[in-house]
Amino acid sequence: FYDDAETGGLLTPSAPAAAGDWWHIIDRVCPAYSDPHSWWCGDDADTSLLPGNLQDALFSPYIDITGAYACTAHFAMHFAIATVDNDYVSMYVNVDHTGYYSLGGWWGDFGTCDGWGGTAYNVGFDISQFGSGGPYTTGDFAWVMNTTDNGAWGAAGDAGIMIDDLWFEVNYDEPVSVNETT
């Protein structure tokens, strides 16, 4: 609400101004594994600032994992989001078109070319934990850049997030349950 009773307003709800679609493919010296291209949520004209009121999502396509009982998503991630404001990137996962589940939100500044996050790439995120136990048919991932009304900025002159090299690792073996009796 942007007005109040003291100024004669009637507490009219108002949506924040549209920030635009900021995810796009870039060609940079330091992108990542599929050199030189990666997905970027940022401003090419001013890489030190993202606009305010941003809730911009990048969705992977649905990946066919038919018959899988376990699935882990891997990707390279590089982001520069200052921690002084409530700006962050959130990650969501979906299996079998059942709806998106939040993995959490992150911020920080990995502002160098070697600052690609290794956790998502090497360890990955178990997306099958949000499903019915399998077998599954599809999986997908989403990244959402969230900024407050004054936007996000990067201390090293680089504000935004880069995503590259998404792949899913699946296990087609049905889990075996063991019952022990004494």
N, C-alpha and C. Protein backbone atom coordinates (compact mmCIF):
# COMPACT_ATOMS: atom_id res chain seq x y z
N PHE A 1 0.85 -1.18 0.00
CA PHE A 1 0.00 0.00 0.00
C PHE A 1 0.89 1.24 0.00
N TYR A 2 0.58 2.19 -0.89
CA TYR A 2 1.44 3.35 -1.04
C TYR A 2 0.79 4.65 -0.59
N ASP A 3 -0.43 4.59 -0.04
CA ASP A 3 -1.04 5.79 0.53
C ASP A 3 -1.58 5.45 1.91
N ASP A 4 -1.97 6.47 2.66
CA ASP A 4 -2.47 6.21 4.00
C ASP A 4 -3.59 7.18 4.34
N ALA A 5 -4.26 6.94 5.47
CA ALA A 5 -5.42 7.73 5.87
C ALA A 5 -5.04 9.19 6.15
N GLU A 6 -3.83 9.46 6.65
CA GLU A 6 -3.43 10.84 6.96
C GLU A 6 -3.36 11.73 5.72
N THR A 7 -3.08 11.14 4.56
CA THR A 7 -2.99 11.95 3.34
C THR A 7 -4.25 11.88 2.50
N GLY A 8 -5.31 11.30 3.07
CA GLY A 8 -6.58 11.24 2.36
C GLY A 8 -6.74 10.03 1.47
N GLY A 9 -5.76 9.13 1.48
CA GLY A 9 -5.85 7.94 0.64
C GLY A 9 -6.74 6.89 1.27
N LEU A 10 -7.08 5.91 0.50
CA LEU A 10 -7.96 4.83 0.96
C LEU A 10 -7.22 3.50 1.03
N LEU A 11 -5.91 3.53 1.23
CA LEU A 11 -5.08 2.34 1.30
C LEU A 11 -5.30 1.46 0.06
N THR A 12 -5.04 2.05 -1.07
CA THR A 12 -5.18 1.36 -2.35
C THR A 12 -3.96 0.48 -2.60
N PRO A 13 -4.18 -0.82 -2.85
CA PRO A 13 -3.02 -1.67 -3.14
C PRO A 13 -2.41 -1.31 -4.49
N SER A 14 -1.11 -1.45 -4.59
CA SER A 14 -0.43 -1.15 -5.84
C SER A 14 0.70 -2.14 -6.05
N ALA A 15 0.82 -2.64 -7.26
CA ALA A 15 1.90 -3.58 -7.60
C ALA A 15 3.16 -2.79 -7.95
N PRO A 16 4.35 -3.33 -7.63
CA PRO A 16 5.57 -2.64 -8.02
C PRO A 16 5.68 -2.53 -9.53
N ALA A 17 6.40 -1.55 -9.99
CA ALA A 17 6.58 -1.35 -11.43
C ALA A 17 7.31 -2.55 -12.02
N ALA A 18 6.99 -2.87 -13.26
CA ALA A 18 7.63 -4.00 -13.93
C ALA A 18 9.11 -3.71 -14.14
N ALA A 19 9.94 -4.71 -13.88
CA ALA A 19 11.39 -4.53 -14.01
C ALA A 19 11.91 -5.05 -15.35
N GLY A 20 11.13 -5.84 -16.05
CA GLY A 20 11.59 -6.36 -17.33
C GLY A 20 12.18 -7.75 -17.20
N ASP A 21 12.46 -8.35 -18.32
CA ASP A 21 13.05 -9.68 -18.36
C ASP A 21 14.55 -9.54 -18.47
N TRP A 22 15.25 -9.86 -17.41
CA TRP A 22 16.69 -9.63 -17.36
C TRP A 22 17.52 -10.86 -17.67
N TRP A 23 16.94 -12.05 -17.76
CA TRP A 23 17.71 -13.24 -18.09
C TRP A 23 17.97 -13.27 -19.59
N HIS A 24 19.21 -13.44 -19.97
CA HIS A 24 19.56 -13.57 -21.37
C HIS A 24 20.93 -14.24 -21.49
N ILE A 25 21.23 -14.73 -22.66
CA ILE A 25 22.52 -15.39 -22.89
C ILE A 25 23.57 -14.33 -23.16
N ILE A 26 24.71 -14.49 -22.49
CA ILE A 26 25.80 -13.53 -22.67
C ILE A 26 27.01 -14.22 -23.29
N ASP A 27 27.88 -13.40 -23.81
CA ASP A 27 29.14 -13.84 -24.39
C ASP A 27 30.22 -13.02 -23.71
N ARG A 28 30.88 -13.61 -22.71
CA ARG A 28 31.87 -12.89 -21.92
C ARG A 28 33.19 -13.63 -21.87
N VAL A 29 34.20 -12.93 -21.44
CA VAL A 29 35.53 -13.51 -21.29
C VAL A 29 35.52 -14.60 -20.22
N CYS A 30 34.68 -14.45 -19.21
CA CYS A 30 34.73 -15.32 -18.03
C CYS A 30 33.39 -15.99 -17.76
N PRO A 31 32.74 -16.64 -18.72
CA PRO A 31 31.43 -17.18 -18.42
C PRO A 31 31.47 -18.47 -17.61
N ALA A 32 31.96 -19.56 -18.14
CA ALA A 32 32.04 -20.80 -17.35
C ALA A 32 32.44 -21.96 -18.22
N TYR A 33 31.72 -23.05 -18.06
CA TYR A 33 32.11 -24.32 -18.65
C TYR A 33 31.79 -24.43 -20.13
N SER A 34 30.74 -23.80 -20.61
CA SER A 34 30.44 -23.86 -22.04
C SER A 34 30.93 -22.58 -22.71
N ASP A 35 32.13 -22.24 -22.40
CA ASP A 35 32.79 -21.02 -22.87
C ASP A 35 32.44 -20.72 -24.32
N PRO A 36 32.05 -19.52 -24.68
CA PRO A 36 31.99 -18.32 -23.84
C PRO A 36 30.57 -17.92 -23.43
N HIS A 37 29.60 -18.82 -23.48
CA HIS A 37 28.21 -18.45 -23.24
C HIS A 37 27.69 -18.96 -21.91
N SER A 38 26.80 -18.16 -21.28
CA SER A 38 26.08 -18.59 -20.09
C SER A 38 24.82 -17.72 -19.97
N TRP A 39 23.88 -18.18 -19.14
CA TRP A 39 22.70 -17.38 -18.86
C TRP A 39 23.06 -16.34 -17.82
N TRP A 40 22.56 -15.11 -17.99
CA TRP A 40 22.91 -13.99 -17.12
C TRP A 40 21.65 -13.22 -16.77
N CYS A 41 21.47 -12.95 -15.48
CA CYS A 41 20.42 -12.04 -15.04
C CYS A 41 21.14 -10.80 -14.55
N GLY A 42 21.19 -9.81 -15.38
CA GLY A 42 21.90 -8.58 -15.06
C GLY A 42 21.73 -7.57 -16.17
N ASP A 43 22.38 -6.45 -16.00
CA ASP A 43 22.29 -5.34 -16.94
C ASP A 43 23.63 -5.21 -17.66
N ASP A 44 23.64 -5.42 -18.96
CA ASP A 44 24.88 -5.33 -19.72
C ASP A 44 25.43 -3.91 -19.75
N ALA A 45 24.55 -2.92 -19.68
CA ALA A 45 25.00 -1.52 -19.72
C ALA A 45 25.62 -1.08 -18.40
N ASP A 46 25.14 -1.61 -17.28
CA ASP A 46 25.68 -1.27 -15.96
C ASP A 46 25.71 -2.54 -15.12
N THR A 47 26.82 -3.26 -15.18
CA THR A 47 26.91 -4.56 -14.50
C THR A 47 27.05 -4.43 -12.99
N SER A 48 27.06 -3.20 -12.47
CA SER A 48 27.18 -3.03 -11.02
C SER A 48 25.83 -2.90 -10.33
N LEU A 49 24.71 -2.89 -11.08
CA LEU A 49 23.40 -2.66 -10.48
C LEU A 49 22.31 -3.43 -11.20
N LEU A 50 21.40 -4.00 -10.42
CA LEU A 50 20.18 -4.58 -10.96
C LEU A 50 19.01 -3.70 -10.54
N PRO A 51 17.95 -3.63 -11.33
CA PRO A 51 16.83 -2.75 -10.99
C PRO A 51 16.09 -3.22 -9.74
N GLY A 52 15.32 -2.31 -9.17
CA GLY A 52 14.51 -2.63 -8.01
C GLY A 52 13.27 -3.42 -8.38
N ASN A 53 12.66 -4.03 -7.37
CA ASN A 53 11.40 -4.78 -7.51
C ASN A 53 11.49 -5.92 -8.52
N LEU A 54 12.66 -6.52 -8.61
CA LEU A 54 12.87 -7.59 -9.58
C LEU A 54 12.48 -8.93 -8.96
N GLN A 55 11.66 -9.68 -9.67
CA GLN A 55 11.35 -11.07 -9.36
C GLN A 55 11.32 -11.80 -10.69
N ASP A 56 12.51 -12.03 -11.21
CA ASP A 56 12.67 -12.50 -12.58
C ASP A 56 13.17 -13.95 -12.56
N ALA A 57 12.47 -14.83 -13.27
CA ALA A 57 12.77 -16.26 -13.22
C ALA A 57 13.35 -16.77 -14.53
N LEU A 58 14.26 -17.73 -14.38
CA LEU A 58 14.78 -18.51 -15.49
C LEU A 58 14.39 -19.95 -15.24
N PHE A 59 13.64 -20.54 -16.17
CA PHE A 59 13.18 -21.92 -16.04
C PHE A 59 13.94 -22.80 -17.02
N SER A 60 14.41 -23.93 -16.53
CA SER A 60 14.98 -24.91 -17.46
C SER A 60 13.84 -25.56 -18.21
N PRO A 61 14.13 -26.17 -19.35
CA PRO A 61 13.08 -26.96 -19.98
C PRO A 61 12.80 -28.20 -19.13
N TYR A 62 11.67 -28.83 -19.36
CA TYR A 62 11.40 -30.10 -18.69
C TYR A 62 12.37 -31.14 -19.25
N ILE A 63 13.06 -31.81 -18.36
CA ILE A 63 14.04 -32.82 -18.75
C ILE A 63 13.40 -34.20 -18.59
N ASP A 64 13.51 -35.02 -19.61
CA ASP A 64 12.93 -36.37 -19.57
C ASP A 64 13.79 -37.27 -18.68
N ILE A 65 13.23 -37.70 -17.57
CA ILE A 65 13.91 -38.63 -16.65
C ILE A 65 13.05 -39.87 -16.46
N THR A 66 12.31 -40.25 -17.50
CA THR A 66 11.36 -41.35 -17.42
C THR A 66 12.01 -42.61 -16.84
N GLY A 67 11.39 -43.14 -15.79
CA GLY A 67 11.85 -44.36 -15.16
C GLY A 67 12.84 -44.17 -14.04
N ALA A 68 13.25 -42.94 -13.76
CA ALA A 68 14.24 -42.68 -12.71
C ALA A 68 13.60 -42.73 -11.33
N TYR A 69 14.33 -43.29 -10.38
CA TYR A 69 13.89 -43.32 -8.98
C TYR A 69 14.62 -42.28 -8.15
N ALA A 70 15.68 -41.72 -8.68
CA ALA A 70 16.42 -40.65 -8.00
C ALA A 70 16.98 -39.72 -9.07
N CYS A 71 17.03 -38.42 -8.74
CA CYS A 71 17.53 -37.44 -9.71
C CYS A 71 18.22 -36.32 -8.96
N THR A 72 19.42 -35.98 -9.41
CA THR A 72 20.20 -34.89 -8.84
C THR A 72 20.49 -33.87 -9.93
N ALA A 73 20.18 -32.60 -9.66
CA ALA A 73 20.45 -31.52 -10.61
C ALA A 73 21.82 -30.92 -10.32
N HIS A 74 22.60 -30.70 -11.38
CA HIS A 74 23.92 -30.09 -11.27
C HIS A 74 23.97 -28.89 -12.21
N PHE A 75 24.66 -27.83 -11.81
CA PHE A 75 24.85 -26.68 -12.69
C PHE A 75 25.97 -25.82 -12.12
N ALA A 76 26.55 -25.02 -12.98
CA ALA A 76 27.54 -24.04 -12.55
C ALA A 76 26.81 -22.75 -12.23
N MET A 77 27.21 -22.08 -11.15
CA MET A 77 26.53 -20.86 -10.73
C MET A 77 27.58 -19.84 -10.27
N HIS A 78 27.42 -18.63 -10.73
CA HIS A 78 28.31 -17.54 -10.33
C HIS A 78 27.41 -16.35 -10.03
N PHE A 79 27.50 -15.78 -8.82
CA PHE A 79 26.65 -14.63 -8.54
C PHE A 79 27.37 -13.60 -7.70
N ALA A 80 26.91 -12.38 -7.86
CA ALA A 80 27.41 -11.24 -7.11
C ALA A 80 26.21 -10.45 -6.63
N ILE A 81 25.81 -10.72 -5.39
CA ILE A 81 24.65 -10.07 -4.80
C ILE A 81 25.06 -9.62 -3.41
N ALA A 82 25.11 -8.32 -3.19
CA ALA A 82 25.56 -7.78 -1.91
C ALA A 82 24.65 -8.24 -0.78
N THR A 83 25.22 -8.41 0.40
CA THR A 83 24.45 -8.89 1.55
C THR A 83 23.90 -7.77 2.42
N VAL A 84 24.04 -6.52 2.01
CA VAL A 84 23.59 -5.41 2.85
C VAL A 84 22.10 -5.14 2.72
N ASP A 85 21.45 -5.70 1.74
CA ASP A 85 20.03 -5.50 1.52
C ASP A 85 19.40 -6.89 1.41
N ASN A 86 18.11 -6.96 1.27
CA ASN A 86 17.44 -8.25 1.20
C ASN A 86 17.29 -8.71 -0.25
N ASP A 87 18.38 -8.68 -1.01
CA ASP A 87 18.40 -9.14 -2.39
C ASP A 87 19.02 -10.53 -2.41
N TYR A 88 18.48 -11.42 -3.22
CA TYR A 88 18.96 -12.80 -3.22
C TYR A 88 18.49 -13.52 -4.47
N VAL A 89 19.08 -14.67 -4.73
CA VAL A 89 18.60 -15.57 -5.77
C VAL A 89 17.98 -16.77 -5.06
N SER A 90 16.81 -17.17 -5.49
CA SER A 90 16.16 -18.34 -4.92
C SER A 90 16.09 -19.44 -5.98
N MET A 91 16.11 -20.68 -5.51
CA MET A 91 16.12 -21.82 -6.43
C MET A 91 14.93 -22.73 -6.12
N TYR A 92 14.33 -23.22 -7.19
CA TYR A 92 13.15 -24.06 -7.09
C TYR A 92 13.31 -25.29 -7.98
N VAL A 93 12.68 -26.39 -7.57
CA VAL A 93 12.75 -27.64 -8.32
C VAL A 93 11.34 -28.19 -8.50
N ASN A 94 11.16 -28.94 -9.59
CA ASN A 94 9.87 -29.52 -9.91
C ASN A 94 10.11 -30.92 -10.47
N VAL A 95 9.38 -31.90 -9.95
CA VAL A 95 9.43 -33.25 -10.54
C VAL A 95 8.02 -33.68 -10.89
N ASP A 96 7.88 -34.27 -12.06
CA ASP A 96 6.59 -34.79 -12.54
C ASP A 96 5.48 -33.75 -12.60
N HIS A 97 5.81 -32.51 -12.87
CA HIS A 97 4.81 -31.45 -13.00
C HIS A 97 3.95 -31.31 -11.74
N THR A 98 4.53 -31.54 -10.57
CA THR A 98 3.76 -31.51 -9.33
C THR A 98 3.80 -30.17 -8.63
N GLY A 99 4.52 -29.22 -9.16
CA GLY A 99 4.65 -27.91 -8.53
C GLY A 99 6.08 -27.68 -8.08
N TYR A 100 6.42 -26.42 -7.91
CA TYR A 100 7.80 -26.07 -7.55
C TYR A 100 7.99 -26.08 -6.04
N TYR A 101 9.13 -26.61 -5.62
CA TYR A 101 9.53 -26.64 -4.22
C TYR A 101 10.78 -25.80 -4.07
N SER A 102 10.84 -25.00 -3.01
CA SER A 102 11.97 -24.11 -2.78
C SER A 102 13.14 -24.86 -2.17
N LEU A 103 14.32 -24.63 -2.73
CA LEU A 103 15.56 -25.15 -2.15
C LEU A 103 16.20 -24.12 -1.23
N GLY A 104 15.77 -22.85 -1.34
CA GLY A 104 16.32 -21.80 -0.48
C GLY A 104 16.76 -20.59 -1.28
N GLY A 105 17.32 -19.62 -0.57
CA GLY A 105 17.81 -18.40 -1.20
C GLY A 105 19.25 -18.13 -0.78
N TRP A 106 20.02 -17.57 -1.70
CA TRP A 106 21.43 -17.30 -1.45
C TRP A 106 21.81 -15.90 -1.91
N TRP A 107 22.85 -15.37 -1.30
CA TRP A 107 23.45 -14.11 -1.70
C TRP A 107 24.93 -14.18 -1.37
N GLY A 108 25.68 -13.25 -1.86
CA GLY A 108 27.12 -13.21 -1.63
C GLY A 108 27.79 -12.60 -2.83
N ASP A 109 29.11 -12.64 -2.84
CA ASP A 109 29.85 -12.03 -3.94
C ASP A 109 30.99 -12.94 -4.33
N PHE A 110 30.81 -13.63 -5.43
CA PHE A 110 31.88 -14.40 -6.05
C PHE A 110 32.26 -13.62 -7.29
N GLY A 111 33.10 -12.62 -7.11
CA GLY A 111 33.32 -11.62 -8.15
C GLY A 111 34.50 -11.84 -9.05
N THR A 112 35.07 -13.05 -9.09
CA THR A 112 36.20 -13.28 -9.97
C THR A 112 35.86 -14.38 -10.96
N CYS A 113 36.66 -14.52 -11.99
CA CYS A 113 36.38 -15.53 -13.01
C CYS A 113 36.41 -16.94 -12.46
N ASP A 114 37.20 -17.17 -11.41
CA ASP A 114 37.25 -18.51 -10.85
C ASP A 114 36.23 -18.68 -9.73
N GLY A 115 35.28 -17.76 -9.61
CA GLY A 115 34.31 -17.80 -8.52
C GLY A 115 33.05 -18.59 -8.80
N TRP A 116 33.09 -19.50 -9.76
CA TRP A 116 31.92 -20.33 -10.03
C TRP A 116 31.69 -21.26 -8.87
N GLY A 117 30.46 -21.31 -8.37
CA GLY A 117 30.14 -22.14 -7.22
C GLY A 117 30.25 -23.62 -7.56
N GLY A 118 31.03 -24.35 -6.79
CA GLY A 118 31.25 -25.75 -7.06
C GLY A 118 30.25 -26.68 -6.42
N THR A 119 29.54 -26.23 -5.38
CA THR A 119 28.62 -27.11 -4.67
C THR A 119 27.51 -27.62 -5.60
N ALA A 120 26.87 -26.72 -6.31
CA ALA A 120 25.78 -27.13 -7.19
C ALA A 120 26.31 -27.99 -8.33
N TYR A 121 27.54 -27.74 -8.77
CA TYR A 121 28.08 -28.48 -9.90
C TYR A 121 28.61 -29.85 -9.48
N ASN A 122 29.38 -29.89 -8.40
CA ASN A 122 30.01 -31.14 -7.98
C ASN A 122 29.08 -32.03 -7.16
N VAL A 123 28.41 -31.46 -6.16
CA VAL A 123 27.54 -32.23 -5.27
C VAL A 123 26.13 -32.31 -5.84
N GLY A 124 25.58 -31.17 -6.22
CA GLY A 124 24.24 -31.13 -6.81
C GLY A 124 23.14 -31.06 -5.78
N PHE A 125 21.91 -30.95 -6.30
CA PHE A 125 20.72 -30.88 -5.47
C PHE A 125 19.83 -32.08 -5.78
N ASP A 126 19.47 -32.84 -4.74
CA ASP A 126 18.58 -33.98 -4.89
C ASP A 126 17.17 -33.46 -5.12
N ILE A 127 16.69 -33.55 -6.36
CA ILE A 127 15.36 -33.04 -6.64
C ILE A 127 14.29 -34.10 -6.41
N SER A 128 14.68 -35.39 -6.37
CA SER A 128 13.68 -36.44 -6.19
C SER A 128 13.12 -36.49 -4.77
N GLN A 129 13.76 -35.79 -3.83
CA GLN A 129 13.23 -35.75 -2.47
C GLN A 129 11.86 -35.07 -2.41
N PHE A 130 11.51 -34.34 -3.45
CA PHE A 130 10.23 -33.62 -3.47
C PHE A 130 9.15 -34.38 -4.25
N GLY A 131 9.48 -35.58 -4.71
CA GLY A 131 8.52 -36.35 -5.48
C GLY A 131 7.88 -37.45 -4.66
N SER A 132 7.19 -38.33 -5.35
CA SER A 132 6.41 -39.39 -4.72
C SER A 132 7.22 -40.66 -4.47
N GLY A 133 8.48 -40.67 -4.83
CA GLY A 133 9.31 -41.86 -4.66
C GLY A 133 9.63 -42.55 -5.97
N GLY A 134 9.05 -42.08 -7.03
CA GLY A 134 9.37 -42.59 -8.37
C GLY A 134 8.54 -43.80 -8.74
N PRO A 135 8.67 -44.26 -9.95
CA PRO A 135 9.56 -43.68 -10.94
C PRO A 135 9.03 -42.34 -11.47
N TYR A 136 9.95 -41.48 -11.86
CA TYR A 136 9.63 -40.13 -12.32
C TYR A 136 9.64 -40.06 -13.84
N THR A 137 9.03 -39.01 -14.37
CA THR A 137 9.02 -38.82 -15.83
C THR A 137 9.74 -37.54 -16.24
N THR A 138 9.62 -36.47 -15.44
CA THR A 138 10.25 -35.19 -15.82
C THR A 138 10.83 -34.50 -14.60
N GLY A 139 11.74 -33.60 -14.86
CA GLY A 139 12.31 -32.76 -13.82
C GLY A 139 12.70 -31.42 -14.42
N ASP A 140 12.63 -30.36 -13.65
CA ASP A 140 13.13 -29.08 -14.12
C ASP A 140 13.55 -28.22 -12.94
N PHE A 141 14.22 -27.14 -13.25
CA PHE A 141 14.83 -26.26 -12.25
C PHE A 141 14.48 -24.83 -12.58
N ALA A 142 14.41 -23.97 -11.57
CA ALA A 142 14.15 -22.55 -11.79
C ALA A 142 15.01 -21.72 -10.85
N TRP A 143 15.51 -20.60 -11.36
CA TRP A 143 16.26 -19.63 -10.57
C TRP A 143 15.50 -18.32 -10.62
N VAL A 144 15.31 -17.67 -9.47
CA VAL A 144 14.59 -16.40 -9.44
C VAL A 144 15.47 -15.36 -8.77
N MET A 145 15.74 -14.27 -9.48
CA MET A 145 16.50 -13.15 -8.92
C MET A 145 15.51 -12.20 -8.27
N ASN A 146 15.69 -11.94 -6.97
CA ASN A 146 14.79 -11.08 -6.21
C ASN A 146 15.55 -9.85 -5.71
N THR A 147 15.03 -8.67 -5.99
CA THR A 147 15.63 -7.44 -5.48
C THR A 147 14.60 -6.62 -4.74
N THR A 148 15.07 -5.80 -3.81
CA THR A 148 14.19 -4.87 -3.10
C THR A 148 13.95 -3.64 -3.96
N ASP A 149 13.25 -2.66 -3.40
CA ASP A 149 12.85 -1.51 -4.20
C ASP A 149 14.02 -0.69 -4.73
N ASN A 150 15.20 -0.76 -4.07
CA ASN A 150 16.34 0.00 -4.58
C ASN A 150 17.28 -0.85 -5.42
N GLY A 151 16.94 -2.11 -5.65
CA GLY A 151 17.75 -2.95 -6.53
C GLY A 151 18.92 -3.60 -5.82
N ALA A 152 19.64 -4.41 -6.57
CA ALA A 152 20.82 -5.11 -6.05
C ALA A 152 22.06 -4.50 -6.68
N TRP A 153 23.12 -4.47 -5.92
CA TRP A 153 24.38 -3.96 -6.45
C TRP A 153 25.50 -4.91 -6.07
N GLY A 154 26.56 -4.86 -6.84
CA GLY A 154 27.72 -5.71 -6.59
C GLY A 154 28.89 -4.88 -6.13
N ALA A 155 29.50 -5.27 -5.03
CA ALA A 155 30.62 -4.52 -4.48
C ALA A 155 31.82 -4.51 -5.43
N ALA A 156 31.99 -5.57 -6.22
CA ALA A 156 33.12 -5.65 -7.13
C ALA A 156 32.74 -5.16 -8.53
N GLY A 157 31.61 -4.43 -8.63
CA GLY A 157 31.18 -3.91 -9.92
C GLY A 157 30.46 -4.94 -10.77
N ASP A 158 29.96 -6.01 -10.15
CA ASP A 158 29.30 -7.06 -10.90
C ASP A 158 28.09 -7.52 -10.11
N ALA A 159 26.89 -7.08 -10.49
CA ALA A 159 25.66 -7.46 -9.80
C ALA A 159 24.85 -8.37 -10.69
N GLY A 160 24.49 -9.52 -10.17
CA GLY A 160 23.66 -10.43 -10.94
C GLY A 160 24.08 -11.86 -10.71
N ILE A 161 23.56 -12.72 -11.57
CA ILE A 161 23.84 -14.15 -11.45
C ILE A 161 24.01 -14.77 -12.82
N MET A 162 24.96 -15.71 -12.92
CA MET A 162 25.19 -16.46 -14.15
C MET A 162 24.96 -17.94 -13.87
N ILE A 163 24.30 -18.62 -14.80
CA ILE A 163 24.02 -20.05 -14.71
C ILE A 163 24.54 -20.71 -15.98
N ASP A 164 25.17 -21.88 -15.82
CA ASP A 164 25.72 -22.57 -16.98
C ASP A 164 25.73 -24.07 -16.72
N ASP A 165 25.72 -24.84 -17.78
CA ASP A 165 26.01 -26.26 -17.76
C ASP A 165 25.09 -27.07 -16.86
N LEU A 166 23.78 -26.93 -17.03
CA LEU A 166 22.80 -27.71 -16.25
C LEU A 166 22.76 -29.14 -16.77
N TRP A 167 22.82 -30.10 -15.87
CA TRP A 167 22.65 -31.50 -16.23
C TRP A 167 22.03 -32.25 -15.07
N PHE A 168 21.28 -33.31 -15.40
CA PHE A 168 20.61 -34.13 -14.39
C PHE A 168 21.28 -35.51 -14.35
N GLU A 169 21.55 -35.96 -13.16
CA GLU A 169 22.09 -37.30 -12.94
C GLU A 169 20.95 -38.14 -12.37
N VAL A 170 20.65 -39.26 -13.02
CA VAL A 170 19.52 -40.08 -12.59
C VAL A 170 19.96 -41.49 -12.22
N ASN A 171 19.15 -42.13 -11.38
CA ASN A 171 19.36 -43.51 -10.99
C ASN A 171 18.08 -44.26 -11.33
N TYR A 172 18.22 -45.28 -12.16
CA TYR A 172 17.05 -46.05 -12.61
C TYR A 172 16.77 -47.27 -11.74
N ASP A 173 17.59 -47.50 -10.72
CA ASP A 173 17.37 -48.65 -9.84
C ASP A 173 16.31 -48.33 -8.80
N GLU A 174 15.34 -49.23 -8.70
CA GLU A 174 14.30 -49.06 -7.69
C GLU A 174 14.91 -49.28 -6.31
N PRO A 175 14.60 -48.39 -5.36
CA PRO A 175 15.16 -48.56 -4.01
C PRO A 175 14.68 -49.87 -3.39
N VAL A 176 15.56 -50.50 -2.65
CA VAL A 176 15.24 -51.77 -2.00
C VAL A 176 15.05 -51.50 -0.51
N SER A 177 13.94 -51.97 0.03
CA SER A 177 13.72 -51.81 1.47
C SER A 177 14.12 -53.11 2.16
N VAL A 178 14.75 -52.97 3.29
CA VAL A 178 15.23 -54.13 4.03
C VAL A 178 14.47 -54.18 5.35
N ASN A 179 13.86 -55.32 5.64
CA ASN A 179 13.16 -55.54 6.91
C ASN A 179 13.98 -56.52 7.73
N GLU A 180 14.31 -56.11 8.91
CA GLU A 180 15.08 -56.97 9.79
C GLU A 180 14.18 -57.48 10.91
N THR A 181 14.32 -58.74 11.23
CA THR A 181 13.60 -59.30 12.37
C THR A 181 14.60 -59.98 13.29
N THR A 182 14.33 -59.94 14.55
CA THR A 182 15.23 -60.60 15.50
C THR A 182 14.50 -61.71 16.21
